[in-house]
Amino acid sequence: MKREVVSDFEQLATKKQLCQWLKINRSTCYYKTSNKKRGAKPSTHTKMQDGHLVPNQQVVNTLISDVFSE
């Protein structure tokens, strides 16, 4: 909302002044949102010490059985 106010009135005052009046950081005015997904995709497999891959569900099941068998 405040970013739109800055863009609507930037012909009448500097971005610095507008940001001060609206009490927002100037970096907020320059930030451009991206529609791309952020971060890495979640893994589906875990690499074991010997190099082979096992499904994450198998790791979870092993951990659960180890915890509840004690």
N, C-alpha and C. Protein backbone atom coordinates (compact mmCIF):
# COMPACT_ATOMS: atom_id res chain seq x y z
N MET A 1 0.83 -1.19 0.00
CA MET A 1 0.00 0.00 0.00
C MET A 1 0.88 1.26 0.00
N LYS A 2 1.84 1.31 0.91
CA LYS A 2 2.69 2.51 1.00
C LYS A 2 3.58 2.63 -0.23
N ARG A 3 3.98 1.48 -0.79
CA ARG A 3 4.80 1.52 -2.01
C ARG A 3 4.03 2.16 -3.16
N GLU A 4 2.73 1.89 -3.23
CA GLU A 4 1.90 2.49 -4.28
C GLU A 4 1.79 4.00 -4.08
N VAL A 5 1.70 4.44 -2.82
CA VAL A 5 1.63 5.87 -2.54
C VAL A 5 2.90 6.55 -3.03
N VAL A 6 4.05 5.92 -2.77
CA VAL A 6 5.32 6.49 -3.22
C VAL A 6 5.34 6.60 -4.73
N SER A 7 4.93 5.54 -5.43
CA SER A 7 4.96 5.60 -6.89
C SER A 7 3.95 6.61 -7.43
N ASP A 8 2.81 6.79 -6.75
CA ASP A 8 1.82 7.77 -7.21
C ASP A 8 2.30 9.21 -7.05
N PHE A 9 3.11 9.47 -6.02
CA PHE A 9 3.49 10.85 -5.71
C PHE A 9 4.96 11.17 -5.96
N GLU A 10 5.71 10.26 -6.61
CA GLU A 10 7.14 10.52 -6.77
C GLU A 10 7.43 11.65 -7.75
N GLN A 11 6.44 12.13 -8.48
CA GLN A 11 6.63 13.30 -9.34
C GLN A 11 6.60 14.60 -8.53
N LEU A 12 6.00 14.53 -7.34
CA LEU A 12 5.83 15.73 -6.52
C LEU A 12 6.89 15.88 -5.43
N ALA A 13 7.53 14.78 -5.06
CA ALA A 13 8.55 14.82 -4.00
C ALA A 13 9.56 13.71 -4.27
N THR A 14 10.71 13.80 -3.64
CA THR A 14 11.72 12.76 -3.84
C THR A 14 11.29 11.49 -3.10
N LYS A 15 11.85 10.39 -3.54
CA LYS A 15 11.55 9.12 -2.85
C LYS A 15 12.00 9.19 -1.40
N LYS A 16 13.11 9.85 -1.18
CA LYS A 16 13.62 9.99 0.18
C LYS A 16 12.60 10.70 1.07
N GLN A 17 12.04 11.82 0.58
CA GLN A 17 11.05 12.57 1.36
C GLN A 17 9.79 11.73 1.58
N LEU A 18 9.31 11.10 0.53
CA LEU A 18 8.09 10.30 0.64
C LEU A 18 8.27 9.16 1.65
N CYS A 19 9.42 8.50 1.60
CA CYS A 19 9.68 7.41 2.53
C CYS A 19 9.77 7.91 3.96
N GLN A 20 10.35 9.09 4.14
CA GLN A 20 10.41 9.67 5.49
C GLN A 20 9.01 9.97 6.00
N TRP A 21 8.18 10.56 5.16
CA TRP A 21 6.81 10.90 5.55
C TRP A 21 5.99 9.66 5.88
N LEU A 22 6.21 8.59 5.10
CA LEU A 22 5.45 7.35 5.31
C LEU A 22 6.08 6.43 6.35
N LYS A 23 7.27 6.82 6.82
CA LYS A 23 8.00 6.04 7.82
C LYS A 23 8.30 4.62 7.31
N ILE A 24 8.84 4.55 6.10
CA ILE A 24 9.28 3.27 5.54
C ILE A 24 10.73 3.42 5.06
N ASN A 25 11.45 2.32 4.99
CA ASN A 25 12.81 2.34 4.50
C ASN A 25 12.82 2.62 3.00
N ARG A 26 13.84 3.34 2.54
CA ARG A 26 13.94 3.62 1.11
C ARG A 26 14.11 2.34 0.31
N SER A 27 14.76 1.34 0.89
CA SER A 27 14.95 0.09 0.17
C SER A 27 13.62 -0.55 -0.21
N THR A 28 12.58 -0.27 0.57
CA THR A 28 11.25 -0.79 0.28
C THR A 28 10.75 -0.27 -1.07
N CYS A 29 11.10 0.95 -1.40
CA CYS A 29 10.65 1.56 -2.65
C CYS A 29 11.36 0.95 -3.86
N TYR A 30 12.56 0.46 -3.67
CA TYR A 30 13.33 -0.07 -4.78
C TYR A 30 13.19 -1.57 -4.94
N TYR A 31 12.65 -2.26 -3.94
CA TYR A 31 12.50 -3.71 -4.00
C TYR A 31 11.45 -4.08 -5.02
N LYS A 32 11.79 -5.02 -5.90
CA LYS A 32 10.83 -5.51 -6.89
C LYS A 32 10.51 -6.96 -6.57
N THR A 33 9.24 -7.25 -6.39
CA THR A 33 8.84 -8.61 -6.07
C THR A 33 8.99 -9.49 -7.29
N SER A 34 9.22 -10.76 -7.03
CA SER A 34 9.38 -11.73 -8.09
C SER A 34 8.29 -12.79 -7.94
N ASN A 35 7.79 -13.27 -9.05
CA ASN A 35 6.77 -14.31 -8.99
C ASN A 35 7.38 -15.71 -8.93
N LYS A 36 8.69 -15.78 -8.89
CA LYS A 36 9.37 -17.08 -8.84
C LYS A 36 9.28 -17.66 -7.43
N LYS A 37 9.31 -18.99 -7.37
CA LYS A 37 9.34 -19.64 -6.07
C LYS A 37 10.70 -19.43 -5.44
N ARG A 38 10.72 -19.28 -4.14
CA ARG A 38 11.96 -19.02 -3.43
C ARG A 38 12.46 -20.29 -2.76
N GLY A 39 13.77 -20.43 -2.69
CA GLY A 39 14.39 -21.53 -1.96
C GLY A 39 14.53 -22.80 -2.77
N ALA A 40 15.16 -23.75 -2.16
CA ALA A 40 15.41 -25.05 -2.80
C ALA A 40 14.17 -25.93 -2.65
N LYS A 41 13.99 -26.81 -3.63
CA LYS A 41 12.90 -27.77 -3.55
C LYS A 41 13.22 -28.78 -2.46
N PRO A 42 12.20 -29.27 -1.75
CA PRO A 42 12.46 -30.25 -0.70
C PRO A 42 13.01 -31.54 -1.31
N SER A 43 13.89 -32.18 -0.56
CA SER A 43 14.48 -33.43 -1.06
C SER A 43 13.48 -34.57 -0.96
N THR A 44 13.66 -35.57 -1.80
CA THR A 44 12.81 -36.75 -1.76
C THR A 44 13.60 -37.96 -1.29
N HIS A 45 14.94 -37.85 -1.34
CA HIS A 45 15.82 -38.95 -0.96
C HIS A 45 16.96 -38.44 -0.08
N THR A 46 17.54 -39.35 0.68
CA THR A 46 18.68 -39.03 1.53
C THR A 46 19.87 -39.85 1.07
N LYS A 47 21.02 -39.19 0.96
CA LYS A 47 22.23 -39.89 0.55
C LYS A 47 22.89 -40.50 1.78
N MET A 48 23.12 -41.80 1.72
CA MET A 48 23.74 -42.52 2.83
C MET A 48 25.25 -42.35 2.77
N GLN A 49 25.95 -42.74 3.84
CA GLN A 49 27.40 -42.59 3.89
C GLN A 49 28.11 -43.36 2.79
N ASP A 50 27.55 -44.49 2.38
CA ASP A 50 28.19 -45.28 1.32
C ASP A 50 27.83 -44.78 -0.08
N GLY A 51 27.01 -43.74 -0.15
CA GLY A 51 26.71 -43.10 -1.43
C GLY A 51 25.37 -43.46 -2.05
N HIS A 52 24.70 -44.51 -1.58
CA HIS A 52 23.42 -44.85 -2.20
C HIS A 52 22.29 -44.00 -1.61
N LEU A 53 21.23 -43.87 -2.39
CA LEU A 53 20.09 -43.04 -1.99
C LEU A 53 18.97 -43.90 -1.45
N VAL A 54 18.32 -43.41 -0.41
CA VAL A 54 17.13 -44.07 0.13
C VAL A 54 16.02 -43.03 0.22
N PRO A 55 14.77 -43.44 0.02
CA PRO A 55 13.66 -42.49 0.13
C PRO A 55 13.57 -41.92 1.55
N ASN A 56 13.18 -40.67 1.64
CA ASN A 56 13.05 -40.01 2.94
C ASN A 56 12.07 -40.74 3.86
N GLN A 57 11.03 -41.32 3.29
CA GLN A 57 10.05 -42.04 4.11
C GLN A 57 10.70 -43.23 4.81
N GLN A 58 11.64 -43.88 4.13
CA GLN A 58 12.34 -45.00 4.75
C GLN A 58 13.19 -44.52 5.93
N VAL A 59 13.81 -43.36 5.79
CA VAL A 59 14.60 -42.78 6.89
C VAL A 59 13.69 -42.47 8.07
N VAL A 60 12.55 -41.87 7.81
CA VAL A 60 11.59 -41.54 8.87
C VAL A 60 11.12 -42.80 9.58
N ASN A 61 10.77 -43.82 8.79
CA ASN A 61 10.29 -45.07 9.39
C ASN A 61 11.36 -45.71 10.26
N THR A 62 12.62 -45.68 9.81
CA THR A 62 13.71 -46.25 10.59
C THR A 62 13.90 -45.48 11.89
N LEU A 63 13.86 -44.17 11.81
CA LEU A 63 14.01 -43.35 13.01
C LEU A 63 12.88 -43.61 14.00
N ILE A 64 11.68 -43.69 13.52
CA ILE A 64 10.52 -43.94 14.40
C ILE A 64 10.65 -45.30 15.07
N SER A 65 11.01 -46.31 14.29
CA SER A 65 11.12 -47.66 14.88
C SER A 65 12.26 -47.71 15.90
N ASP A 66 13.35 -46.96 15.64
CA ASP A 66 14.47 -46.93 16.59
C ASP A 66 14.06 -46.24 17.89
N VAL A 67 13.32 -45.16 17.79
CA VAL A 67 12.91 -44.39 18.97
C VAL A 67 11.93 -45.20 19.83
N PHE A 68 10.98 -45.85 19.18
CA PHE A 68 9.95 -46.57 19.94
C PHE A 68 10.38 -47.97 20.36
N SER A 69 11.51 -48.45 19.85
CA SER A 69 11.98 -49.79 20.26
C SER A 69 12.81 -49.72 21.53
N GLU A 70 13.21 -48.53 21.94
CA GLU A 70 14.05 -48.38 23.15
C GLU A 70 13.26 -48.48 24.41
